[in-house]
Amino acid sequence: MICGSINDIHLYRGFTRGLDVLIDWLEANDPASLECGSHPIDGERVFANVMEPITRPEAEAHYETHRKYYDLQIDVRGREAYKVAIGQTAPVEPFDEENDFELVDAEQAVAGDLDRGCFAVFVPGEPHMPTLEFPGDGSKPVKKICFKLLADEYWG
């Protein structure tokens, strides 16, 4: 996981091809102007999934993992917490190859939040639990973007 201020995203140029494409796009576009839905930035290699979920209690969530894509997540309205599992995980749902998605549970985690213009990057294989209630807020609506960045080894 990488987290920081979206204003400092340029510091991560060179980390992965998809992130470089996204950094260029962010320099020329306002992500807050995107409507809900999927928006191609570089076809299937880099795209934005814009959604308006309600944050949820941790007890109602599982960790998700991906094999081919990084997730770079930001909130453009509202705020949320997230967790990243550390240590052993236990499968909840088997890996779905078509959707690059698996659900797992874990006993240990580190926590963070998407507030005040922050972003978080979750790398392939890293179990993460997004869209959690921000401490003290309860369940609240949030407008968020999950930018999907294809890992370099699949870039082809």
C-alpha atoms as a PDB file:
ATOM      1  CA  MET A   1       0.000   0.000   0.000  1.00  0.00           C
ATOM      2  CA  ILE A   2       1.027   3.520  -0.772  1.00  0.00           C
ATOM      3  CA  CYS A   3      -0.908   6.442   0.644  1.00  0.00           C
ATOM      4  CA  GLY A   4      -0.493  10.179   0.569  1.00  0.00           C
ATOM      5  CA  SER A   5      -1.885  13.464  -0.672  1.00  0.00           C
ATOM      6  CA  ILE A   6      -3.221  13.436  -4.224  1.00  0.00           C
ATOM      7  CA  ASN A   7      -1.279  16.697  -4.665  1.00  0.00           C
ATOM      8  CA  ASP A   8       1.926  14.672  -4.288  1.00  0.00           C
ATOM      9  CA  ILE A   9       0.983  11.849  -6.683  1.00  0.00           C
ATOM     10  CA  HIS A  10       3.659  13.062  -9.148  1.00  0.00           C
ATOM     11  CA  LEU A  11       6.312  11.826  -6.680  1.00  0.00           C
ATOM     12  CA  TYR A  12       5.376   8.260  -7.643  1.00  0.00           C
ATOM     13  CA  ARG A  13       6.053   8.662 -11.365  1.00  0.00           C
ATOM     14  CA  GLY A  14       7.996   5.633 -12.588  1.00  0.00           C
ATOM     15  CA  PHE A  15       6.460   3.219 -10.086  1.00  0.00           C
ATOM     16  CA  THR A  16       4.319   1.490 -12.742  1.00  0.00           C
ATOM     17  CA  ARG A  17       3.267   2.282 -16.316  1.00  0.00           C
ATOM     18  CA  GLY A  18      -0.395   2.558 -15.355  1.00  0.00           C
ATOM     19  CA  LEU A  19       0.360   5.047 -12.607  1.00  0.00           C
ATOM     20  CA  ASP A  20       2.343   7.189 -15.059  1.00  0.00           C
ATOM     21  CA  VAL A  21      -0.651   7.226 -17.424  1.00  0.00           C
ATOM     22  CA  LEU A  22      -2.945   8.172 -14.547  1.00  0.00           C
ATOM     23  CA  ILE A  23      -0.624  10.940 -13.333  1.00  0.00           C
ATOM     24  CA  ASP A  24      -0.643  12.461 -16.846  1.00  0.00           C
ATOM     25  CA  TRP A  25      -4.444  12.190 -16.933  1.00  0.00           C
ATOM     26  CA  LEU A  26      -4.840  13.784 -13.489  1.00  0.00           C
ATOM     27  CA  GLU A  27      -2.672  16.728 -14.576  1.00  0.00           C
ATOM     28  CA  ALA A  28      -5.142  17.465 -17.395  1.00  0.00           C
ATOM     29  CA  ASN A  29      -8.484  16.411 -15.861  1.00  0.00           C
ATOM     30  CA  ASP A  30     -10.627  16.952 -12.773  1.00  0.00           C
ATOM     31  CA  PRO A  31     -11.625  13.513 -11.446  1.00  0.00           C
ATOM     32  CA  ALA A  32     -14.474  15.055  -9.416  1.00  0.00           C
ATOM     33  CA  SER A  33     -16.248  15.895 -12.696  1.00  0.00           C
ATOM     34  CA  LEU A  34     -16.665  12.214 -13.640  1.00  0.00           C
ATOM     35  CA  GLU A  35     -20.172  10.759 -13.456  1.00  0.00           C
ATOM     36  CA  CYS A  36     -20.842   7.369 -11.868  1.00  0.00           C
ATOM     37  CA  GLY A  37     -19.808   4.466 -14.071  1.00  0.00           C
ATOM     38  CA  SER A  38     -16.685   3.224 -15.817  1.00  0.00           C
ATOM     39  CA  HIS A  39     -14.474   5.648 -17.762  1.00  0.00           C
ATOM     40  CA  PRO A  40     -11.570   4.472 -19.963  1.00  0.00           C
ATOM     41  CA  ILE A  41      -8.346   6.433 -19.639  1.00  0.00           C
ATOM     42  CA  ASP A  42      -6.131   4.011 -21.587  1.00  0.00           C
ATOM     43  CA  GLY A  43      -8.609   1.327 -22.616  1.00  0.00           C
ATOM     44  CA  GLU A  44      -8.576  -1.692 -20.303  1.00  0.00           C
ATOM     45  CA  ARG A  45      -5.102  -0.823 -19.030  1.00  0.00           C
ATOM     46  CA  VAL A  46      -6.126   2.252 -17.020  1.00  0.00           C
ATOM     47  CA  PHE A  47      -9.705   3.177 -16.239  1.00  0.00           C
ATOM     48  CA  ALA A  48     -11.822   4.847 -13.567  1.00  0.00           C
ATOM     49  CA  ASN A  49     -14.745   3.231 -11.756  1.00  0.00           C
ATOM     50  CA  VAL A  50     -16.805   6.010 -10.197  1.00  0.00           C
ATOM     51  CA  MET A  51     -19.342   5.013  -7.544  1.00  0.00           C
ATOM     52  CA  GLU A  52     -21.498   6.441  -4.771  1.00  0.00           C
ATOM     53  CA  PRO A  53     -21.664   3.789  -2.037  1.00  0.00           C
ATOM     54  CA  ILE A  54     -22.599   4.102   1.618  1.00  0.00           C
ATOM     55  CA  THR A  55     -19.699   3.446   3.985  1.00  0.00           C
ATOM     56  CA  ARG A  56     -20.094   0.246   5.987  1.00  0.00           C
ATOM     57  CA  PRO A  57     -19.077  -1.160   9.328  1.00  0.00           C
ATOM     58  CA  GLU A  58     -16.046  -3.431   9.237  1.00  0.00           C
ATOM     59  CA  ALA A  59     -18.176  -6.339  10.530  1.00  0.00           C
ATOM     60  CA  GLU A  60     -20.120  -6.266   7.220  1.00  0.00           C
ATOM     61  CA  ALA A  61     -17.056  -6.377   4.954  1.00  0.00           C
ATOM     62  CA  HIS A  62     -14.332  -8.716   3.713  1.00  0.00           C
ATOM     63  CA  TYR A  63     -10.917  -7.988   2.234  1.00  0.00           C
ATOM     64  CA  GLU A  64     -10.651  -8.003  -1.555  1.00  0.00           C
ATOM     65  CA  THR A  65      -7.618  -8.878  -3.634  1.00  0.00           C
ATOM     66  CA  HIS A  66      -6.731  -8.530  -7.295  1.00  0.00           C
ATOM     67  CA  ARG A  67      -4.006 -10.219  -9.319  1.00  0.00           C
ATOM     68  CA  LYS A  68      -3.757  -8.087 -12.455  1.00  0.00           C
ATOM     69  CA  TYR A  69      -4.683  -4.584 -11.305  1.00  0.00           C
ATOM     70  CA  TYR A  70      -3.540  -2.013  -8.806  1.00  0.00           C
ATOM     71  CA  ASP A  71      -6.362  -0.012  -7.199  1.00  0.00           C
ATOM     72  CA  LEU A  72      -5.758   3.690  -6.671  1.00  0.00           C
ATOM     73  CA  GLN A  73      -8.667   5.043  -4.655  1.00  0.00           C
ATOM     74  CA  ILE A  74      -9.737   8.600  -3.876  1.00  0.00           C
ATOM     75  CA  ASP A  75     -12.864  10.165  -2.421  1.00  0.00           C
ATOM     76  CA  VAL A  76     -14.238  13.194  -4.224  1.00  0.00           C
ATOM     77  CA  ARG A  77     -17.146  13.714  -1.794  1.00  0.00           C
ATOM     78  CA  GLY A  78     -17.290  12.452   1.768  1.00  0.00           C
ATOM     79  CA  ARG A  79     -14.679  10.311   3.472  1.00  0.00           C
ATOM     80  CA  GLU A  80     -14.028   6.700   4.346  1.00  0.00           C
ATOM     81  CA  ALA A  81     -11.676   4.442   6.218  1.00  0.00           C
ATOM     82  CA  TYR A  82      -9.906   1.356   4.872  1.00  0.00           C
ATOM     83  CA  LYS A  83      -7.863  -1.552   6.166  1.00  0.00           C
ATOM     84  CA  VAL A  84      -5.053  -3.614   4.658  1.00  0.00           C
ATOM     85  CA  ALA A  85      -4.612  -7.164   5.931  1.00  0.00           C
ATOM     86  CA  ILE A  86      -1.246  -8.311   7.192  1.00  0.00           C
ATOM     87  CA  GLY A  87      -0.329 -11.902   7.879  1.00  0.00           C
ATOM     88  CA  GLN A  88      -2.420 -14.953   7.086  1.00  0.00           C
ATOM     89  CA  THR A  89      -5.711 -14.760   5.186  1.00  0.00           C
ATOM     90  CA  ALA A  90      -8.578 -17.229   4.808  1.00  0.00           C
ATOM     91  CA  PRO A  91     -10.575 -17.487   1.566  1.00  0.00           C
ATOM     92  CA  VAL A  92     -14.211 -16.377   1.627  1.00  0.00           C
ATOM     93  CA  GLU A  93     -14.953 -16.570  -2.120  1.00  0.00           C
ATOM     94  CA  PRO A  94     -12.698 -18.160  -4.736  1.00  0.00           C
ATOM     95  CA  PHE A  95     -10.776 -16.003  -7.174  1.00  0.00           C
ATOM     96  CA  ASP A  96     -12.905 -14.816 -10.118  1.00  0.00           C
ATOM     97  CA  GLU A  97     -10.472 -14.651 -13.050  1.00  0.00           C
ATOM     98  CA  GLU A  98     -12.804 -12.669 -15.316  1.00  0.00           C
ATOM     99  CA  ASN A  99     -13.353  -9.919 -12.742  1.00  0.00           C
ATOM    100  CA  ASP A 100      -9.880 -10.149 -11.139  1.00  0.00           C
ATOM    101  CA  PHE A 101     -11.468 -10.392  -7.713  1.00  0.00           C
ATOM    102  CA  GLU A 102     -11.259 -12.553  -4.605  1.00  0.00           C
ATOM    103  CA  LEU A 103     -12.612 -12.146  -1.066  1.00  0.00           C
ATOM    104  CA  VAL A 104     -10.645 -13.141   2.032  1.00  0.00           C
ATOM    105  CA  ASP A 105     -10.709 -12.589   5.787  1.00  0.00           C
ATOM    106  CA  ALA A 106      -7.783 -11.809   8.076  1.00  0.00           C
ATOM    107  CA  GLU A 107      -7.217 -11.281  11.775  1.00  0.00           C
ATOM    108  CA  GLN A 108      -4.553  -8.561  11.543  1.00  0.00           C
ATOM    109  CA  ALA A 109      -4.571  -5.305   9.618  1.00  0.00           C
ATOM    110  CA  VAL A 110      -3.329  -1.753   9.406  1.00  0.00           C
ATOM    111  CA  ALA A 111      -5.801   1.098   8.945  1.00  0.00           C
ATOM    112  CA  GLY A 112      -5.923   4.347   7.028  1.00  0.00           C
ATOM    113  CA  ASP A 113      -8.416   6.814   5.621  1.00  0.00           C
ATOM    114  CA  LEU A 114      -9.318   8.738   2.508  1.00  0.00           C
ATOM    115  CA  ASP A 115      -9.931  12.223   3.831  1.00  0.00           C
ATOM    116  CA  ARG A 116      -8.461  15.662   3.140  1.00  0.00           C
ATOM    117  CA  GLY A 117      -7.447  14.846  -0.447  1.00  0.00           C
ATOM    118  CA  CYS A 118      -5.654  11.575   0.300  1.00  0.00           C
ATOM    119  CA  PHE A 119      -5.216   8.608  -2.017  1.00  0.00           C
ATOM    120  CA  ALA A 120      -4.334   4.972  -1.419  1.00  0.00           C
ATOM    121  CA  VAL A 121      -2.784   2.493  -3.851  1.00  0.00           C
ATOM    122  CA  PHE A 122      -3.392  -1.187  -3.171  1.00  0.00           C
ATOM    123  CA  VAL A 123      -0.994  -3.432  -5.089  1.00  0.00           C
ATOM    124  CA  PRO A 124      -1.942  -6.737  -6.745  1.00  0.00           C
ATOM    125  CA  GLY A 125      -2.255  -9.495  -4.160  1.00  0.00           C
ATOM    126  CA  GLU A 126      -2.668  -7.049  -1.264  1.00  0.00           C
ATOM    127  CA  PRO A 127      -5.887  -7.734   0.699  1.00  0.00           C
ATOM    128  CA  HIS A 128      -7.679  -4.436   1.256  1.00  0.00           C
ATOM    129  CA  MET A 129     -11.058  -3.496   2.733  1.00  0.00           C
ATOM    130  CA  PRO A 130     -12.235  -0.125   1.375  1.00  0.00           C
ATOM    131  CA  THR A 131     -15.400   1.910   1.946  1.00  0.00           C
ATOM    132  CA  LEU A 132     -15.461   1.494   5.717  1.00  0.00           C
ATOM    133  CA  GLU A 133     -17.127   3.938   8.080  1.00  0.00           C
ATOM    134  CA  PHE A 134     -14.841   6.814   8.975  1.00  0.00           C
ATOM    135  CA  PRO A 135     -14.294   6.716  12.755  1.00  0.00           C
ATOM    136  CA  GLY A 136     -17.148   8.526  14.489  1.00  0.00           C
ATOM    137  CA  ASP A 137     -19.156   9.172  11.303  1.00  0.00           C
ATOM    138  CA  GLY A 138     -21.339   6.066  11.099  1.00  0.00           C
ATOM    139  CA  SER A 139     -22.585   4.997   7.667  1.00  0.00           C
ATOM    140  CA  LYS A 140     -22.438   7.941   5.251  1.00  0.00           C
ATOM    141  CA  PRO A 141     -22.626   8.379   1.476  1.00  0.00           C
ATOM    142  CA  VAL A 142     -19.362   8.904  -0.357  1.00  0.00           C
ATOM    143  CA  LYS A 143     -18.483   9.553  -3.988  1.00  0.00           C
ATOM    144  CA  LYS A 144     -15.305   7.681  -4.736  1.00  0.00           C
ATOM    145  CA  ILE A 145     -13.162   6.699  -7.668  1.00  0.00           C
ATOM    146  CA  CYS A 146     -11.287   3.452  -7.941  1.00  0.00           C
ATOM    147  CA  PHE A 147      -8.723   3.850 -10.701  1.00  0.00           C
ATOM    148  CA  LYS A 148      -7.726   0.429 -12.033  1.00  0.00           C
ATOM    149  CA  LEU A 149      -4.093   0.256 -13.207  1.00  0.00           C
ATOM    150  CA  LEU A 150      -2.976  -2.853 -15.066  1.00  0.00           C
ATOM    151  CA  ALA A 151       0.219  -4.320 -13.617  1.00  0.00           C
ATOM    152  CA  ASP A 152       3.267  -3.954 -15.868  1.00  0.00           C
ATOM    153  CA  GLU A 153       3.635  -7.707 -16.446  1.00  0.00           C
ATOM    154  CA  TYR A 154       0.195  -7.728 -18.186  1.00  0.00           C
ATOM    155  CA  TRP A 155       0.709  -4.456 -20.057  1.00  0.00           C
ATOM    156  CA  GLY A 156       1.676  -6.168 -23.367  1.00  0.00           C
END
